[in-house]
Amino acid sequence: MGKEVLVDLSHPFGYGCPLWPYFEDVKIERMHYFAKSGVLSQKVTTVMHCTTHMDAPAHVFEGGRYVHEVPLTSCYGEAVVWDIPKGKWELITAKDLEEANKKLPIKPGDIVIIHTGWHHYWGDTTMYFCYSPGLGREAGEWFVEHKVKAVGIDNQALDHPLHTAIGPHGPGPLRPDICEEYKRLTGRDVKEDFPEWEPCHNIILRHGIVGWENVGGDIDKVVGKRCRIAGFPIRWYRGDGSIVRLVAFIDEDELNDVPDFVYKYGTQ
């Protein structure tokens, strides 16, 4: 055995970071800087649902737990990182989860991180936010049935993009052109195949399962592995979600031999 190492599974946060289509841009102002005050102090204006983050139950249903009410034990524990590669608009089904579970089995109370490979498209792009694969009702019910503690996925949301307001749900469609493209390519309306608004969100969060979105960083180093995962929110009273630093703890001898993931921005 080698020594335990920490692997960052988080995308960078900062000015210009990619955002889900209906959120305002991140604003960062220097209130004090060295030429003015001899110190650097910055003011950040942001939604918490950007970069790698956790959704609190209060984000999706009335009376749900706020961030400060989510137990820290729900954000840390034994985990598997499943490889479920998917392409444009593909839905992750219960069958996909069963197959992954055969290869790398979970125990009740484990954390499941899903690697589709979509984190490689991370950016302010239609590809990442509108064309990603994703989860739906089947997956949400599977996680509840198997007593999963927390779920993370390397794409734009806990739900498939066409189960969200990108499609014809809630305040959507935010991207009518995407809905038109889907019908042109499949011959079906989006609501025929994706009739519900964020079913996976609602199912898992109502059952106390923590959800992390936009998992990224060096996830390729731990895909197919068992490890420990931590993704703690800030202690935000009545918060609806929180940016997290998602980290895997793993023996260095278990790491996949892949290069560090290098971002095109946010590395200066």
Protein backbone atom coordinates (compact mmCIF):
# COMPACT_ATOMS: atom_id res chain seq x y z
CA MET A 1 0.00 0.00 0.00
CA GLY A 2 1.08 3.54 -0.74
CA LYS A 3 0.19 6.69 1.10
CA GLU A 4 -3.26 8.22 1.02
CA VAL A 5 -3.61 11.08 -1.47
CA LEU A 6 -6.32 13.66 -2.09
CA VAL A 7 -7.76 14.06 -5.58
CA ASP A 8 -9.64 17.25 -6.46
CA LEU A 9 -12.93 16.51 -8.24
CA SER A 10 -13.95 20.19 -8.46
CA HIS A 11 -14.10 22.62 -11.36
CA PRO A 12 -12.54 26.07 -10.72
CA PHE A 13 -14.73 28.95 -9.55
CA GLY A 14 -14.13 32.55 -10.56
CA TYR A 15 -14.87 35.33 -12.99
CA GLY A 16 -16.07 33.94 -16.31
CA CYS A 17 -16.75 30.44 -15.04
CA PRO A 18 -19.45 28.54 -16.97
CA LEU A 19 -23.01 29.03 -15.70
CA TRP A 20 -26.31 27.25 -16.06
CA PRO A 21 -28.38 29.16 -18.66
CA TYR A 22 -30.71 31.11 -16.39
CA PHE A 23 -28.26 32.49 -13.85
CA GLU A 24 -26.65 35.92 -13.69
CA ASP A 25 -22.93 36.17 -14.25
CA VAL A 26 -20.47 35.91 -11.39
CA LYS A 27 -19.29 39.37 -10.30
CA ILE A 28 -16.00 39.87 -8.46
CA GLU A 29 -15.02 43.36 -7.30
CA ARG A 30 -11.80 44.41 -5.61
CA MET A 31 -12.98 46.49 -2.67
CA HIS A 32 -9.39 46.94 -1.47
CA TYR A 33 -6.19 46.36 -3.39
CA PHE A 34 -2.54 46.89 -2.57
CA ALA A 35 -2.03 50.24 -4.30
CA LYS A 36 -5.10 51.59 -2.50
CA SER A 37 -5.11 49.91 0.91
CA GLY A 38 -2.09 47.66 1.24
CA VAL A 39 -4.33 44.57 1.28
CA LEU A 40 -6.51 42.64 -1.14
CA SER A 41 -10.23 42.22 -0.29
CA GLN A 42 -12.75 41.06 -2.87
CA LYS A 43 -16.54 41.11 -3.00
CA VAL A 44 -18.19 38.17 -4.74
CA THR A 45 -21.76 38.17 -6.09
CA THR A 46 -22.86 34.74 -7.26
CA VAL A 47 -25.51 32.07 -7.15
CA MET A 48 -24.34 28.98 -5.33
CA HIS A 49 -25.49 26.74 -8.18
CA CYS A 50 -22.36 27.15 -10.25
CA THR A 51 -19.19 25.14 -10.76
CA THR A 52 -19.08 21.99 -8.55
CA HIS A 53 -21.88 22.37 -6.02
CA MET A 54 -24.45 20.72 -3.80
CA ASP A 55 -28.21 21.17 -4.07
CA ALA A 56 -30.12 21.42 -0.80
CA PRO A 57 -33.63 19.94 -0.69
CA ALA A 58 -34.97 23.49 -0.23
CA HIS A 59 -33.82 24.19 -3.79
CA VAL A 60 -36.56 22.04 -5.31
CA PHE A 61 -39.47 21.69 -2.88
CA GLU A 62 -41.19 23.74 -0.21
CA GLY A 63 -40.34 22.71 3.33
CA GLY A 64 -37.15 20.94 2.28
CA ARG A 65 -33.98 21.11 4.35
CA TYR A 66 -31.76 24.13 3.92
CA VAL A 67 -27.99 23.81 3.63
CA HIS A 68 -27.43 24.34 7.35
CA GLU A 69 -29.83 21.47 8.10
CA VAL A 70 -28.06 18.88 5.93
CA PRO A 71 -25.97 16.61 8.22
CA LEU A 72 -22.24 16.74 7.53
CA THR A 73 -22.22 12.94 7.68
CA SER A 74 -24.33 12.99 4.49
CA CYS A 75 -21.49 14.75 2.67
CA TYR A 76 -18.70 12.31 3.50
CA GLY A 77 -18.18 8.58 3.28
CA GLU A 78 -17.21 5.45 1.41
CA ALA A 79 -17.77 5.77 -2.32
CA VAL A 80 -17.60 4.18 -5.73
CA VAL A 81 -16.80 6.06 -8.93
CA TRP A 82 -18.73 4.35 -11.70
CA ASP A 83 -17.82 4.63 -15.36
CA ILE A 84 -21.03 5.00 -17.37
CA PRO A 85 -19.96 6.60 -20.67
CA LYS A 86 -22.81 8.30 -22.48
CA GLY A 87 -23.28 10.50 -25.52
CA LYS A 88 -25.51 13.40 -26.50
CA TRP A 89 -28.93 13.33 -24.78
CA GLU A 90 -28.58 9.71 -23.62
CA LEU A 91 -30.52 8.82 -20.47
CA ILE A 92 -28.80 6.87 -17.69
CA THR A 93 -31.21 4.05 -16.88
CA ALA A 94 -31.68 1.64 -14.00
CA LYS A 95 -30.13 -1.03 -16.24
CA ASP A 96 -26.99 1.12 -16.61
CA LEU A 97 -26.77 1.46 -12.83
CA GLU A 98 -27.26 -2.28 -12.32
CA GLU A 99 -24.46 -3.06 -14.78
CA ALA A 100 -22.13 -0.59 -13.05
CA ASN A 101 -23.05 -2.09 -9.68
CA LYS A 102 -22.09 -5.58 -10.87
CA LYS A 103 -18.60 -4.35 -11.78
CA LEU A 104 -18.06 -2.24 -8.66
CA PRO A 105 -20.69 -3.09 -6.03
CA ILE A 106 -22.05 -0.64 -3.49
CA LYS A 107 -23.16 -1.17 0.09
CA PRO A 108 -26.09 0.64 1.75
CA GLY A 109 -24.90 4.09 2.81
CA ASP A 110 -22.28 4.40 0.07
CA ILE A 111 -21.77 7.45 -2.12
CA VAL A 112 -22.06 7.04 -5.90
CA ILE A 113 -20.12 9.27 -8.29
CA ILE A 114 -21.01 8.85 -11.97
CA HIS A 115 -18.38 9.45 -14.64
CA THR A 116 -19.91 9.85 -18.10
CA GLY A 117 -16.88 11.63 -19.55
CA TRP A 118 -18.93 14.80 -20.08
CA HIS A 119 -16.72 16.84 -17.75
CA HIS A 120 -14.25 17.07 -20.63
CA TYR A 121 -16.73 19.43 -22.34
CA TRP A 122 -16.85 21.77 -19.31
CA GLY A 123 -17.22 25.30 -20.62
CA ASP A 124 -19.68 28.03 -21.55
CA THR A 125 -21.07 25.87 -24.33
CA THR A 126 -24.26 24.39 -25.71
CA MET A 127 -22.47 21.04 -25.78
CA TYR A 128 -21.88 20.92 -22.02
CA PHE A 129 -25.14 22.38 -20.76
CA CYS A 130 -27.74 21.45 -23.40
CA TYR A 131 -26.53 18.22 -25.03
CA SER A 132 -25.32 16.31 -21.98
CA PRO A 133 -26.56 12.88 -20.97
CA GLY A 134 -28.20 12.60 -17.59
CA LEU A 135 -30.40 11.05 -14.95
CA GLY A 136 -34.17 10.79 -14.63
CA ARG A 137 -36.90 9.10 -12.61
CA GLU A 138 -35.56 5.55 -13.02
CA ALA A 139 -32.16 6.50 -11.67
CA GLY A 140 -33.60 8.48 -8.76
CA GLU A 141 -35.75 5.55 -7.69
CA TRP A 142 -32.78 3.18 -8.02
CA PHE A 143 -30.65 5.32 -5.69
CA VAL A 144 -33.42 5.38 -3.08
CA GLU A 145 -34.03 1.63 -3.34
CA HIS A 146 -30.32 0.90 -2.87
CA LYS A 147 -29.98 3.29 0.09
CA VAL A 148 -27.33 5.49 -1.50
CA LYS A 149 -26.11 8.33 0.75
CA ALA A 150 -25.09 10.85 -1.93
CA VAL A 151 -24.87 11.09 -5.71
CA GLY A 152 -22.54 13.13 -7.88
CA ILE A 153 -22.34 13.35 -11.66
CA ASP A 154 -19.93 14.97 -14.11
CA ASN A 155 -22.48 16.98 -16.04
CA GLN A 156 -24.74 20.01 -15.78
CA ALA A 157 -27.37 18.77 -13.33
CA LEU A 158 -28.71 15.82 -11.38
CA ASP A 159 -31.28 15.56 -14.17
CA HIS A 160 -31.00 15.18 -17.92
CA PRO A 161 -31.03 18.68 -19.53
CA LEU A 162 -34.37 17.99 -21.24
CA HIS A 163 -35.86 17.21 -17.81
CA THR A 164 -34.92 20.79 -16.78
CA ALA A 165 -35.90 24.33 -17.75
CA ILE A 166 -33.54 24.08 -20.72
CA GLY A 167 -36.48 22.07 -22.04
CA PRO A 168 -40.21 22.86 -21.67
CA HIS A 169 -40.36 22.69 -17.86
CA GLY A 170 -40.72 25.25 -15.07
CA PRO A 171 -39.69 28.66 -16.43
CA GLY A 172 -38.50 27.04 -19.67
CA PRO A 173 -37.87 26.41 -22.38
CA LEU A 174 -34.76 28.51 -21.96
CA ARG A 175 -33.51 27.10 -25.26
CA PRO A 176 -36.48 26.61 -27.63
CA ASP A 177 -34.00 25.87 -30.41
CA ILE A 178 -32.79 22.82 -28.50
CA CYS A 179 -36.36 21.52 -28.20
CA GLU A 180 -36.86 22.08 -31.93
CA GLU A 181 -33.60 20.27 -32.69
CA TYR A 182 -34.69 17.31 -30.57
CA LYS A 183 -37.97 17.02 -32.47
CA ARG A 184 -36.22 17.38 -35.81
CA LEU A 185 -33.77 14.58 -34.98
CA THR A 186 -36.16 12.19 -33.20
CA GLY A 187 -39.59 13.04 -34.60
CA ARG A 188 -40.87 13.40 -31.03
CA ASP A 189 -41.70 16.32 -28.76
CA VAL A 190 -39.40 16.68 -25.76
CA LYS A 191 -42.31 16.17 -23.34
CA GLU A 192 -43.10 12.78 -24.86
CA ASP A 193 -39.74 11.45 -23.71
CA PHE A 194 -39.02 13.82 -20.80
CA PRO A 195 -42.46 14.59 -19.31
CA GLU A 196 -41.35 15.62 -15.80
CA TRP A 197 -39.49 18.59 -14.39
CA GLU A 198 -36.35 17.40 -12.58
CA PRO A 199 -37.66 14.03 -11.35
CA CYS A 200 -34.27 12.77 -10.12
CA HIS A 201 -33.71 15.97 -8.11
CA ASN A 202 -37.09 15.62 -6.45
CA ILE A 203 -36.84 11.92 -5.69
CA ILE A 204 -33.37 11.83 -4.17
CA LEU A 205 -33.55 15.15 -2.30
CA ARG A 206 -36.91 14.22 -0.76
CA HIS A 207 -35.26 11.06 0.56
CA GLY A 208 -32.29 12.83 2.13
CA ILE A 209 -29.77 11.87 -0.56
CA VAL A 210 -27.19 14.61 -1.17
CA GLY A 211 -26.66 15.62 -4.80
CA TRP A 212 -23.51 17.13 -6.35
CA GLU A 213 -23.51 18.60 -9.85
CA ASN A 214 -20.65 19.48 -12.22
CA VAL A 215 -18.22 16.95 -10.80
CA GLY A 216 -14.92 17.36 -12.60
CA GLY A 217 -11.29 18.09 -11.87
CA ASP A 218 -9.25 14.89 -11.85
CA ILE A 219 -12.15 12.46 -11.74
CA ASP A 220 -10.40 10.41 -14.46
CA LYS A 221 -7.77 9.46 -11.86
CA VAL A 222 -10.34 7.66 -9.70
CA VAL A 223 -12.92 6.34 -12.18
CA GLY A 224 -13.60 2.65 -11.61
CA LYS A 225 -12.28 2.87 -8.06
CA ARG A 226 -13.54 2.62 -4.50
CA CYS A 227 -12.44 5.54 -2.32
CA ARG A 228 -13.75 8.00 0.24
CA ILE A 229 -15.46 11.20 -0.87
CA ALA A 230 -16.03 14.52 0.89
CA GLY A 231 -17.96 17.48 -0.48
CA PHE A 232 -18.87 19.90 2.29
CA PRO A 233 -21.02 23.01 1.83
CA ILE A 234 -20.44 26.28 3.63
CA ARG A 235 -22.52 26.65 6.81
CA TRP A 236 -25.10 28.86 5.10
CA TYR A 237 -28.22 29.51 7.16
CA ARG A 238 -31.31 28.89 5.00
CA GLY A 239 -29.16 28.27 1.95
CA ASP A 240 -30.59 26.54 -1.13
CA GLY A 241 -27.26 25.08 -2.23
CA SER A 242 -23.53 25.60 -1.93
CA ILE A 243 -20.36 25.53 -3.96
CA VAL A 244 -18.24 22.65 -2.61
CA ARG A 245 -14.68 21.42 -2.82
CA LEU A 246 -15.30 17.81 -3.78
CA VAL A 247 -12.36 15.58 -2.89
CA ALA A 248 -11.56 11.87 -3.20
CA PHE A 249 -9.30 10.17 -0.63
CA ILE A 250 -7.52 7.16 -2.12
CA ASP A 251 -4.35 5.09 -1.88
CA GLU A 252 -1.82 6.47 -4.37
CA ASP A 253 -1.21 2.97 -5.74
CA GLU A 254 -4.88 2.81 -6.77
CA LEU A 255 -4.82 5.93 -8.96
CA ASN A 256 -5.40 5.59 -12.70
CA ASP A 257 -2.31 6.60 -14.67
CA VAL A 258 -3.75 9.59 -16.53
CA PRO A 259 -2.48 13.17 -16.89
CA ASP A 260 -3.73 15.97 -14.64
CA PHE A 261 -6.78 17.70 -16.10
CA VAL A 262 -5.74 21.14 -17.34
CA TYR A 263 -8.32 23.91 -17.61
CA LYS A 264 -8.18 26.51 -20.38
CA TYR A 265 -9.16 29.19 -17.87
CA GLY A 266 -8.85 29.80 -14.17
CA THR A 267 -5.34 28.40 -13.91
CA GLN A 268 -3.38 31.64 -13.60
